[in-house]
């Protein structure tokens, strides 16, 4: 018997919504300008799955494919790189608009700024992005990974020139370790997308960096004749990506925002637990957080994102691993005529959930609660490609994590 999907609709009390301004259109425009200054920058594809939409009974289905981002196979580099630029700008008393790729790689910048060491904790994608950006900009990176991290992801970070270790603790403890080391290092700074009291500025910059992806997607949808998606499905670990996407689209469509569905891995469903408690306060999930969705294995919410999510999410969904595995298979072996989307374990959970809602009446209550039907214009984000080749083969070739 497969583990069922769990969900809760959002009736938490609203806050003053002060964090929504973090994802203002002006802030996101600055991040996108910075990213576009990189010679490696290109807009990642928005896959239009017309065949899948027809098969599932939806109006349309679009998947933002981040496997092409900067050649790094994941979206995470958007956040870490922009946070570095904002940090450097603040240290120099300058505006981030001056921190273009050409300037940050120049001899003049090296003489003026010198070198900082950027510390971070990661399951793979964020650390690789920080290491890549540090390498490109002549900075140092130190990366700690939690126990159970995959060797291919470790090797990819090492290739970028960072100092990297796999520790015998979970992700949240790795964050604490990186923060302590940054504190003890001259010109050391922690670049983490989870916020806590006293550490809010850099996570907010990381979220703005993620806004580049949402900004591209909104433009691409309009080019496809979709002025506004009716539903946005977005996955969450600490919630920074979800807060960034939801904050951006709420600011873009202030009078008629889409319905937002946030999905988490069952083993690390801290946002779902907070919504279930219903009092507006975040909840923490601890332990080893074992899930194939390694990028979502985070048990302590980002406090900035939480404030955005409690005000704007329609439903929070806790997904067992089979949901993601099904999504990987559906995107990787699509309906005839649809483009292939190679999506990793943390990228495909949206596809698996959307299929579960539309294919049977098992989750009819959730489908009806969010109004998902043949008129829906649905957007989801495949946030990573094949970042762990052995795990990817086990799921797609060997049928690991079946749905029955």
Protein backbone atom coordinates (compact mmCIF):
# COMPACT_ATOMS: atom_id res chain seq x y z
CA UNK A 1 0.00 0.00 0.00
CA UNK A 2 1.53 3.29 -1.07
CA UNK A 3 1.87 6.15 1.40
CA UNK A 4 -0.90 8.70 0.66
CA UNK A 5 -0.41 12.36 -0.21
CA UNK A 6 -1.44 14.65 2.67
CA UNK A 7 -2.64 18.23 2.31
CA UNK A 8 -4.08 21.12 4.25
CA UNK A 9 -5.74 24.27 2.97
CA UNK A 10 -4.39 27.52 4.31
CA UNK A 11 -6.46 29.23 6.96
CA UNK A 12 -3.65 30.64 9.03
CA UNK A 13 -4.15 34.18 10.34
CA UNK A 14 -2.63 36.79 8.03
CA UNK A 15 0.35 38.89 9.09
CA UNK A 16 1.08 42.50 8.04
CA UNK A 17 2.77 40.99 4.94
CA UNK A 18 5.90 43.13 5.34
CA UNK A 19 8.13 40.59 3.58
CA UNK A 20 6.23 40.74 0.28
CA UNK A 21 8.28 43.82 -0.62
CA UNK A 22 11.44 41.64 -0.70
CA UNK A 23 10.13 40.23 -4.00
CA UNK A 24 9.05 43.54 -5.53
CA UNK A 25 9.25 43.78 -9.31
CA UNK A 26 12.02 46.39 -8.96
CA UNK A 27 14.16 44.10 -6.76
CA UNK A 28 13.72 41.17 -9.14
CA UNK A 29 14.59 43.38 -12.13
CA UNK A 30 17.93 44.21 -10.46
CA UNK A 31 18.68 40.52 -9.98
CA UNK A 32 17.82 39.73 -13.58
CA UNK A 33 20.02 42.58 -14.84
CA UNK A 34 22.92 41.16 -12.80
CA UNK A 35 22.44 37.61 -14.11
CA UNK A 36 22.12 38.82 -17.70
CA UNK A 37 25.59 40.42 -17.42
CA UNK A 38 27.15 36.92 -17.27
CA UNK A 39 28.38 35.60 -20.63
CA UNK A 40 26.95 32.19 -19.61
CA UNK A 41 23.44 33.62 -19.16
CA UNK A 42 20.54 32.49 -21.29
CA UNK A 43 16.82 32.21 -20.55
CA UNK A 44 16.00 28.59 -19.65
CA UNK A 45 13.26 26.86 -21.67
CA UNK A 46 9.59 26.86 -20.74
CA UNK A 47 8.39 23.44 -21.90
CA UNK A 48 4.80 23.48 -23.16
CA UNK A 49 3.24 20.07 -22.50
CA UNK A 50 0.10 20.23 -24.62
CA UNK A 51 -0.18 16.45 -24.92
CA UNK A 52 0.14 15.97 -21.16
CA UNK A 53 -2.39 18.74 -20.49
CA UNK A 54 -4.91 17.03 -22.78
CA UNK A 55 -4.20 13.60 -21.24
CA UNK A 56 -4.72 14.95 -17.70
CA UNK A 57 -7.69 17.17 -18.55
CA UNK A 58 -6.05 20.57 -18.02
CA UNK A 59 -6.25 23.72 -20.12
CA UNK A 60 -2.47 23.95 -20.41
CA UNK A 61 0.66 22.79 -18.58
CA UNK A 62 4.00 24.60 -18.63
CA UNK A 63 7.25 23.40 -17.04
CA UNK A 64 10.15 25.80 -16.46
CA UNK A 65 13.20 23.62 -17.18
CA UNK A 66 16.14 24.67 -15.01
CA UNK A 67 18.44 21.84 -16.14
CA UNK A 68 19.91 24.38 -18.60
CA UNK A 69 20.81 27.08 -16.03
CA UNK A 70 24.39 28.31 -16.51
CA UNK A 71 25.42 24.77 -17.46
CA UNK A 72 24.98 23.77 -13.79
CA UNK A 73 21.84 21.62 -14.12
CA UNK A 74 19.86 23.53 -11.45
CA UNK A 75 18.36 26.93 -10.61
CA UNK A 76 20.19 27.43 -7.32
CA UNK A 77 23.10 29.44 -8.76
CA UNK A 78 20.68 32.34 -9.30
CA UNK A 79 20.36 32.93 -5.57
CA UNK A 80 23.93 32.42 -4.40
CA UNK A 81 25.50 34.53 -7.15
CA UNK A 82 23.16 37.50 -6.63
CA UNK A 83 23.62 37.37 -2.85
CA UNK A 84 27.40 37.50 -3.38
CA UNK A 85 27.01 40.55 -5.62
CA UNK A 86 24.73 42.29 -3.10
CA UNK A 87 27.13 41.50 -0.24
CA UNK A 88 30.14 42.81 -2.18
CA UNK A 89 28.20 45.94 -3.18
CA UNK A 90 27.24 46.60 0.45
CA UNK A 91 30.84 46.12 1.63
CA UNK A 92 32.02 48.62 -1.00
CA UNK A 93 29.22 51.12 -0.39
CA UNK A 94 28.01 50.73 -3.98
CA UNK A 95 24.75 49.72 -5.67
CA UNK A 96 24.39 46.19 -7.01
CA UNK A 97 23.68 47.61 -10.48
CA UNK A 98 27.42 48.37 -10.67
CA UNK A 99 28.33 44.74 -9.88
CA UNK A 100 28.32 43.41 -13.43
CA UNK A 101 30.23 40.29 -14.43
CA UNK A 102 32.80 42.38 -16.31
CA UNK A 103 33.49 44.54 -13.26
CA UNK A 104 33.56 41.65 -10.76
CA UNK A 105 36.12 39.78 -12.86
CA UNK A 106 38.32 42.84 -13.46
CA UNK A 107 41.75 43.63 -12.03
CA UNK A 108 40.35 46.92 -10.69
CA UNK A 109 37.79 45.03 -8.58
CA UNK A 110 40.43 42.64 -7.20
CA UNK A 111 42.57 45.57 -6.08
CA UNK A 112 39.63 47.42 -4.59
CA UNK A 113 37.80 44.55 -2.84
CA UNK A 114 40.28 41.72 -2.43
CA UNK A 115 38.86 38.35 -1.50
CA UNK A 116 36.14 37.00 0.77
CA UNK A 117 35.38 33.40 1.76
CA UNK A 118 31.79 32.33 1.21
CA UNK A 119 30.62 29.48 3.46
CA UNK A 120 27.50 27.43 2.79
CA UNK A 121 25.67 24.18 3.53
CA UNK A 122 24.05 22.22 0.72
CA UNK A 123 22.70 18.91 -0.50
CA UNK A 124 24.40 19.74 -3.81
CA UNK A 125 22.81 22.32 -6.10
CA UNK A 126 23.12 25.46 -3.95
CA UNK A 127 26.71 24.63 -2.99
CA UNK A 128 27.64 24.01 -6.59
CA UNK A 129 26.16 27.37 -7.54
CA UNK A 130 28.04 29.20 -4.77
CA UNK A 131 31.29 27.40 -5.69
CA UNK A 132 30.82 28.21 -9.39
CA UNK A 133 30.09 31.90 -8.75
CA UNK A 134 33.01 32.20 -6.29
CA UNK A 135 35.34 30.63 -8.85
CA UNK A 136 34.17 32.91 -11.64
CA UNK A 137 34.51 36.04 -9.46
CA UNK A 138 37.88 35.19 -7.91
CA UNK A 139 36.46 34.51 -4.42
CA UNK A 140 36.81 31.49 -2.08
CA UNK A 141 34.07 28.97 -1.21
CA UNK A 142 33.77 26.43 1.62
CA UNK A 143 30.89 23.96 1.31
CA UNK A 144 29.53 21.46 3.87
CA UNK A 145 27.16 18.67 2.83
CA UNK A 146 24.91 16.59 5.14
CA UNK A 147 25.31 12.86 5.68
CA UNK A 148 23.94 10.76 2.87
CA UNK A 149 24.90 13.32 0.21
CA UNK A 150 25.66 11.77 -3.17
CA UNK A 151 29.20 11.40 -4.52
CA UNK A 152 28.35 12.88 -7.97
CA UNK A 153 27.02 16.04 -6.31
CA UNK A 154 30.13 16.22 -4.07
CA UNK A 155 32.39 15.79 -7.11
CA UNK A 156 30.59 18.54 -9.04
CA UNK A 157 31.25 21.02 -6.22
CA UNK A 158 34.88 19.94 -5.95
CA UNK A 159 35.32 20.56 -9.69
CA UNK A 160 34.38 24.20 -9.17
CA UNK A 161 37.41 24.69 -6.91
CA UNK A 162 35.64 24.88 -3.54
CA UNK A 163 36.73 23.25 -0.29
CA UNK A 164 33.96 20.67 0.31
CA UNK A 165 33.17 18.06 2.97
CA UNK A 166 30.38 15.59 3.71
CA UNK A 167 29.58 15.79 7.43
CA UNK A 168 27.92 13.23 9.71
CA UNK A 169 25.00 15.55 10.54
CA UNK A 170 21.76 16.64 8.83
CA UNK A 171 21.31 19.71 6.62
CA UNK A 172 20.20 22.10 9.36
CA UNK A 173 23.22 21.19 11.51
CA UNK A 174 25.46 21.76 8.47
CA UNK A 175 24.01 25.28 8.24
CA UNK A 176 24.95 25.92 11.86
CA UNK A 177 28.46 24.58 11.21
CA UNK A 178 28.95 26.84 8.17
CA UNK A 179 27.66 29.87 10.10
CA UNK A 180 30.07 29.26 12.98
CA UNK A 181 33.04 28.89 10.62
CA UNK A 182 32.13 32.06 8.72
CA UNK A 183 31.93 33.92 12.02
CA UNK A 184 35.44 32.74 12.95
CA UNK A 185 37.04 33.54 9.56
CA UNK A 186 38.43 36.91 8.48
CA UNK A 187 36.31 38.18 5.56
CA UNK A 188 34.11 35.13 6.02
CA UNK A 189 30.39 35.26 5.22
CA UNK A 190 27.67 32.64 5.16
CA UNK A 191 25.50 32.47 2.02
CA UNK A 192 22.43 30.45 2.98
CA UNK A 193 18.85 30.57 1.76
CA UNK A 194 17.41 29.84 5.17
CA UNK A 195 16.80 32.83 7.43
CA UNK A 196 16.79 33.07 11.22
CA UNK A 197 16.63 35.94 13.72
CA UNK A 198 19.57 38.21 12.97
CA UNK A 199 20.26 36.56 9.58
CA UNK A 200 17.70 37.90 7.14
CA UNK A 201 19.49 40.13 4.66
CA UNK A 202 21.44 37.54 2.65
CA UNK A 203 18.50 35.06 2.46
CA UNK A 204 16.32 37.89 1.11
CA UNK A 205 18.95 38.57 -1.58
CA UNK A 206 19.03 34.87 -2.48
CA UNK A 207 15.26 34.92 -2.87
CA UNK A 208 15.52 37.94 -5.17
CA UNK A 209 18.05 35.99 -7.24
CA UNK A 210 15.52 33.18 -7.62
CA UNK A 211 13.12 35.83 -8.90
CA UNK A 212 14.99 35.84 -12.22
CA UNK A 213 13.52 32.40 -12.94
CA UNK A 214 9.96 33.54 -12.12
CA UNK A 215 10.40 36.73 -14.15
CA UNK A 216 11.55 34.74 -17.21
CA UNK A 217 8.63 32.32 -16.81
CA UNK A 218 6.03 35.11 -16.67
CA UNK A 219 7.39 36.61 -19.91
CA UNK A 220 7.50 33.22 -21.62
CA UNK A 221 3.90 32.50 -20.62
CA UNK A 222 2.78 35.77 -22.20
CA UNK A 223 4.63 34.84 -25.38
CA UNK A 224 2.55 31.63 -25.36
CA UNK A 225 -0.67 33.63 -25.05
CA UNK A 226 -1.14 33.00 -21.30
CA UNK A 227 -1.43 36.38 -19.58
CA UNK A 228 -1.67 34.85 -16.12
CA UNK A 229 -1.36 31.27 -14.88
CA UNK A 230 -4.36 30.12 -12.84
CA UNK A 231 -2.23 27.73 -10.74
CA UNK A 232 1.44 27.77 -9.73
CA UNK A 233 2.87 24.60 -8.21
CA UNK A 234 6.18 25.15 -6.42
CA UNK A 235 8.24 22.86 -4.20
CA UNK A 236 9.81 23.81 -0.90
CA UNK A 237 12.71 22.87 1.35
CA UNK A 238 13.27 25.82 3.70
CA UNK A 239 10.73 27.68 1.55
CA UNK A 240 12.98 30.28 -0.09
CA UNK A 241 12.17 29.23 -3.65
CA UNK A 242 8.47 29.01 -2.85
CA UNK A 243 8.49 32.42 -1.14
CA UNK A 244 10.41 33.93 -4.06
CA UNK A 245 8.07 32.56 -6.75
CA UNK A 246 4.88 33.29 -4.80
CA UNK A 247 6.10 36.74 -3.75
CA UNK A 248 6.98 37.65 -7.34
CA UNK A 249 3.70 36.46 -8.87
CA UNK A 250 1.67 38.09 -6.10
CA UNK A 251 3.40 41.41 -6.86
CA UNK A 252 2.95 40.85 -10.62
CA UNK A 253 -0.79 40.12 -10.32
CA UNK A 254 -1.78 42.02 -7.14
CA UNK A 255 -5.50 42.12 -7.95
CA UNK A 256 -5.88 38.55 -9.22
CA UNK A 257 -3.00 36.29 -8.14
CA UNK A 258 -2.85 32.64 -9.21
CA UNK A 259 -3.62 29.86 -6.75
CA UNK A 260 -0.36 28.73 -5.16
CA UNK A 261 0.24 25.11 -4.16
CA UNK A 262 3.39 24.39 -2.12
CA UNK A 263 4.77 20.84 -2.10
CA UNK A 264 7.26 19.29 0.33
CA UNK A 265 8.93 15.94 0.84
CA UNK A 266 7.04 13.90 3.46
CA UNK A 267 10.24 13.44 5.53
CA UNK A 268 10.80 17.21 5.81
CA UNK A 269 7.34 18.79 5.63
CA UNK A 270 7.90 21.67 8.07
CA UNK A 271 5.72 24.14 6.16
CA UNK A 272 2.84 21.65 5.94
CA UNK A 273 3.17 21.03 9.69
CA UNK A 274 3.01 24.78 10.31
CA UNK A 275 -0.11 25.11 8.15
CA UNK A 276 -1.64 22.09 9.88
CA UNK A 277 -1.10 23.70 13.30
CA UNK A 278 -2.82 26.75 11.82
CA UNK A 279 -1.69 29.41 14.30
CA UNK A 280 0.65 31.23 11.90
CA UNK A 281 3.83 30.18 13.67
CA UNK A 282 6.40 28.06 11.79
CA UNK A 283 7.16 24.48 12.84
CA UNK A 284 10.43 22.53 12.76
CA UNK A 285 10.92 18.91 11.64
CA UNK A 286 14.12 17.23 12.83
CA UNK A 287 15.89 13.89 12.42
CA UNK A 288 17.74 12.51 9.40
CA UNK A 289 15.12 13.78 6.88
CA UNK A 290 15.63 10.79 4.56
CA UNK A 291 14.01 11.37 1.15
CA UNK A 292 14.98 11.05 -2.51
CA UNK A 293 14.12 14.75 -2.78
CA UNK A 294 17.50 15.74 -1.33
CA UNK A 295 17.08 19.38 -2.30
CA UNK A 296 13.91 19.57 -0.19
CA UNK A 297 15.34 17.79 2.88
CA UNK A 298 15.24 20.84 5.15
CA UNK A 299 13.38 20.88 8.43
CA UNK A 300 13.62 24.54 9.53
CA UNK A 301 11.67 27.17 7.56
CA UNK A 302 13.11 30.41 6.25
CA UNK A 303 11.33 33.00 8.43
CA UNK A 304 11.11 35.59 5.61
CA UNK A 305 9.52 33.11 3.21
CA UNK A 306 7.21 31.74 5.88
CA UNK A 307 5.66 35.18 6.24
CA UNK A 308 4.95 35.35 2.49
CA UNK A 309 3.64 31.77 2.37
CA UNK A 310 1.23 32.06 5.30
CA UNK A 311 -0.39 35.05 3.60
CA UNK A 312 -0.63 33.79 0.02
CA UNK A 313 -0.51 29.98 -0.32
CA UNK A 314 -3.76 28.20 -1.19
CA UNK A 315 -2.74 24.68 -0.06
CA UNK A 316 0.30 22.97 1.48
CA UNK A 317 0.97 19.40 0.34
CA UNK A 318 3.18 16.71 1.93
CA UNK A 319 4.39 14.30 -0.76
CA UNK A 320 5.84 10.79 -0.30
CA UNK A 321 8.82 9.89 -2.50
CA UNK A 322 6.70 7.98 -5.04
CA UNK A 323 5.12 11.29 -6.13
CA UNK A 324 8.47 12.67 -7.24
CA UNK A 325 9.54 9.37 -8.87
CA UNK A 326 6.31 9.29 -10.90
CA UNK A 327 6.86 12.88 -11.97
CA UNK A 328 10.42 12.07 -13.12
CA UNK A 329 9.13 9.23 -15.29
CA UNK A 330 6.27 11.27 -16.78
CA UNK A 331 8.51 14.20 -17.70
CA UNK A 332 11.33 11.96 -18.98
CA UNK A 333 9.03 9.78 -21.13
CA UNK A 334 6.40 12.31 -22.23
CA UNK A 335 3.20 12.13 -24.23
CA UNK A 336 3.94 11.96 -27.98
CA UNK A 337 4.68 15.39 -29.37
CA UNK A 338 5.65 16.93 -26.02
CA UNK A 339 9.27 17.93 -25.29
CA UNK A 340 11.32 15.72 -22.94
CA UNK A 341 12.12 17.35 -19.59
CA UNK A 342 14.95 15.65 -17.71
CA UNK A 343 14.00 16.36 -14.12
CA UNK A 344 15.73 15.26 -10.93
CA UNK A 345 14.14 14.09 -7.70
CA UNK A 346 13.55 17.59 -6.29
CA UNK A 347 12.40 18.96 -9.64
CA UNK A 348 9.64 16.55 -10.61
CA UNK A 349 7.40 16.46 -7.54
CA UNK A 350 5.01 18.97 -9.14
CA UNK A 351 4.40 16.73 -12.14
CA UNK A 352 3.75 13.74 -9.88
CA UNK A 353 1.29 15.69 -7.76
CA UNK A 354 -0.59 17.23 -10.68
CA UNK A 355 -0.99 13.75 -12.22
CA UNK A 356 -2.20 12.27 -8.91
CA UNK A 357 -4.84 15.01 -8.64
CA UNK A 358 -6.13 14.65 -12.20
CA UNK A 359 -5.92 10.91 -12.97
CA UNK A 360 -8.18 9.51 -10.25
CA UNK A 361 -10.69 10.66 -7.65
CA UNK A 362 -8.43 9.57 -4.77
CA UNK A 363 -7.47 13.21 -4.19
CA UNK A 364 -10.66 14.77 -5.51
CA UNK A 365 -11.01 16.86 -2.34
CA UNK A 366 -7.70 18.65 -3.00
CA UNK A 367 -8.41 18.98 -6.73
CA UNK A 368 -11.75 20.65 -6.00
CA UNK A 369 -10.36 22.79 -3.18
CA UNK A 370 -7.85 24.39 -5.54
CA UNK A 371 -10.20 24.40 -8.56
CA UNK A 372 -7.94 22.39 -10.87
CA UNK A 373 -9.90 21.55 -14.04
CA UNK A 374 -10.01 21.62 -17.86
CA UNK A 375 -9.77 25.41 -17.88
CA UNK A 376 -6.66 25.61 -15.66
CA UNK A 377 -3.44 27.19 -16.97
CA UNK A 378 -0.79 25.48 -14.84
CA UNK A 379 2.84 26.46 -14.24
CA UNK A 380 5.40 24.30 -12.41
CA UNK A 381 9.16 24.46 -11.97
CA UNK A 382 11.57 21.62 -12.69
CA UNK A 383 14.31 23.06 -10.52
CA UNK A 384 17.03 20.52 -11.34
CA UNK A 385 18.03 18.12 -14.08
CA UNK A 386 19.83 14.80 -13.64
CA UNK A 387 22.17 15.75 -10.79
CA UNK A 388 22.57 12.22 -9.38
CA UNK A 389 22.88 9.87 -12.40
CA UNK A 390 22.72 6.58 -10.46
CA UNK A 391 19.60 7.61 -8.56
CA UNK A 392 18.05 8.88 -11.81
CA UNK A 393 18.59 5.50 -13.51
CA UNK A 394 17.18 3.59 -10.54
CA UNK A 395 13.99 5.62 -10.77
CA UNK A 396 13.57 5.72 -14.56
CA UNK A 397 15.16 2.43 -15.62
CA UNK A 398 14.50 0.21 -12.63
CA UNK A 399 11.15 1.61 -11.48
CA UNK A 400 12.32 2.52 -7.97
CA UNK A 401 9.57 4.03 -5.80
CA UNK A 402 6.58 2.57 -7.71
CA UNK A 403 3.12 4.05 -7.35
CA UNK A 404 1.42 0.78 -6.43
